[in-house]
Structure formats: structure tokens, C-alpha cells
Protein backbone atom coordinates (compact mmCIF):
# COMPACT_ATOMS: atom_id res chain seq x y z
CA MET A 1 0.00 0.00 0.00
CA SER A 2 1.33 3.41 -0.88
CA ALA A 3 1.60 6.20 1.67
CA ASN A 4 -1.12 8.07 -0.21
CA GLY A 5 -3.42 5.05 -0.09
CA LEU A 6 -2.88 4.68 3.65
CA ARG A 7 -3.59 8.40 4.17
CA GLN A 8 -6.84 8.10 2.20
CA ALA A 9 -7.87 5.00 4.14
CA LEU A 10 -7.20 6.72 7.47
CA ALA A 11 -9.01 9.87 6.39
CA SER A 12 -12.09 7.90 5.40
CA LEU A 13 -11.93 5.95 8.65
CA PHE A 14 -12.03 9.08 10.79
CA ALA A 15 -14.59 10.88 8.58
CA GLN A 16 -17.40 8.43 9.29
CA ALA A 17 -19.90 8.28 12.11
CA PRO A 18 -19.04 5.99 15.05
CA GLY A 19 -20.06 2.40 14.35
CA GLU A 20 -20.74 3.10 10.68
CA GLU A 21 -18.86 0.82 8.31
CA THR A 22 -18.08 1.94 4.79
CA PRO A 23 -16.55 0.18 1.79
CA ALA A 24 -13.32 2.04 2.60
CA ASP A 25 -13.30 0.33 6.01
CA ALA A 26 -13.47 -3.08 4.41
CA ILE A 27 -10.68 -2.19 2.01
CA PHE A 28 -8.54 -0.79 4.83
CA GLU A 29 -9.11 -3.88 6.99
CA ALA A 30 -8.28 -6.19 4.10
CA ARG A 31 -5.07 -4.30 3.37
CA MET A 32 -4.06 -4.32 7.03
CA ARG A 33 -4.68 -8.09 7.20
CA GLY A 34 -2.53 -8.49 4.09
CA LEU A 35 0.25 -6.37 5.58
CA THR A 36 0.11 -8.35 8.84
CA ILE A 37 0.33 -11.66 6.99
CA ALA A 38 3.24 -10.37 4.90
CA ALA A 39 5.06 -9.06 7.99
CA ARG A 40 4.61 -12.37 9.82
CA ALA A 41 5.97 -14.24 6.80
CA GLU A 42 8.92 -11.87 6.52
CA LEU A 43 9.80 -12.31 10.20
CA SER A 44 9.38 -16.08 9.92
CA ALA A 45 11.99 -16.05 7.15
CA ARG A 46 14.37 -13.38 8.47
CA ILE A 47 14.67 -14.52 12.08
CA PRO A 48 16.00 -18.02 11.33
CA GLU A 49 18.47 -16.48 8.86
CA LEU A 50 19.61 -14.02 11.52
CA LEU A 51 19.96 -16.79 14.10
CA THR A 52 22.17 -18.73 11.71
CA ARG A 53 24.32 -15.64 11.19
CA VAL A 54 24.59 -15.19 14.98
CA GLU A 55 25.95 -18.74 15.26
CA ARG A 56 28.50 -18.00 12.52
CA GLY A 57 29.47 -14.66 14.04
CA GLU A 58 28.15 -12.83 10.95
CA ALA A 59 25.05 -11.13 12.38
CA THR A 60 24.72 -7.38 11.98
CA VAL A 61 23.17 -4.72 14.17
CA ALA A 62 21.11 -3.55 11.19
CA ASP A 63 19.51 -6.98 10.73
CA ALA A 64 18.43 -7.17 14.37
CA HIS A 65 17.22 -3.57 14.26
CA ARG A 66 15.08 -4.23 11.17
CA ILE A 67 13.45 -7.24 12.82
CA ALA A 68 12.78 -5.28 16.01
CA GLY A 69 11.16 -2.49 14.00
CA ILE A 70 8.88 -4.76 11.98
CA ALA A 71 7.79 -6.63 15.09
CA ALA A 72 7.11 -3.41 17.01
CA GLN A 73 5.03 -1.96 14.18
CA PHE A 74 2.72 -4.95 14.24
CA GLY A 75 2.48 -5.25 18.01
CA TRP A 76 4.56 -8.39 18.49
CA ALA A 77 6.19 -7.08 21.66
CA SER A 78 8.05 -10.23 22.69
CA VAL A 79 9.74 -10.51 19.29
CA ALA A 80 10.52 -6.78 19.25
CA LEU A 81 12.05 -6.90 22.73
CA ALA A 82 14.13 -9.99 21.97
CA ALA A 83 15.38 -8.51 18.68
CA ASP A 84 16.16 -5.25 20.46
CA GLU A 85 18.14 -7.16 23.09
CA LEU A 86 20.03 -8.96 20.32
CA GLU A 87 20.71 -5.62 18.63
CA HIS A 88 22.19 -4.23 21.85
CA SER A 89 24.31 -7.35 22.33
CA LEU A 90 25.68 -7.05 18.81
CA ARG A 91 26.25 -3.32 19.18
CA SER A 92 28.25 -3.79 22.40
CA ALA A 93 30.12 -6.88 21.16
CA ARG A 94 28.68 -8.94 24.03
CA PRO A 95 27.94 -12.61 23.42
CA ALA A 96 24.69 -12.75 21.46
CA ARG A 97 23.71 -16.40 21.99
CA ASP A 98 21.38 -15.78 24.94
CA ALA A 99 19.61 -12.95 23.14
CA ALA A 100 19.38 -15.09 20.00
CA SER A 101 17.82 -17.92 22.02
CA ARG A 102 15.20 -15.53 23.40
CA LEU A 103 14.46 -14.33 19.87
CA ALA A 104 13.99 -17.91 18.70
CA LEU A 105 11.56 -18.56 21.56
CA ALA A 106 9.65 -15.34 20.81
CA LEU A 107 9.30 -16.38 17.17
CA GLN A 108 7.91 -19.77 18.21
CA ALA A 109 5.38 -18.06 20.50
CA MET A 110 4.32 -15.74 17.67
CA ARG A 111 3.47 -18.63 15.38
């Protein structure tokens, strides 16, 4: 969805009477469901890749940050917190295995 499309959907959402559903609401809800499904699929693919890179010592701060951001945007707090912890471990050059384990557990709970 483009930024303009999202703006239009939000504008139509707030322009209606409380409890009134419009075709724009249905479109907005369908698009949000699609974005949520796509975000879940992206995290389900990216997190295992990141965990493999952690084991190899190849993980980057940017990868963990991206995962934390996606998870936070969609309200998956446990994944966001675990990815944020991993990001901080990588940033400070601390061992990242414990944080990676918590991220793996958070991903399992999200599924």
C-alpha cells in the first residue's frame, strides 16, 4: 500500500460516524490483514536467517534492528524486545547467543 493510499484510508476511517462501516473500512481492513500476513511471513523467514548468522558470528546490528522495527510496528512485543536485546548485544560486542535464544523462543510463540 502506498503512503497516499494509507492516508486516504485513514481519512475515510475518521470521517465516518461511530459504528458506521463503509466500503473504505473493508478495504482498509483487508489491506491491514494483508500487511500483517506479509510481515509475519517476513519475520518467519528473516529470524531463522539471523539466528544462523549469529551462530556463525556474521550477524549485523542492522539486521536485528530491522526485525525489532517490523515486530514493534505490528504489536509483536516479545519478538521486538528480543530482537532489540540482540541488537544491543551485537552493538556492544557482548555474546549474542542468549539474546538469539530468546528471539527464537519469541518467534515460536508468535506462530
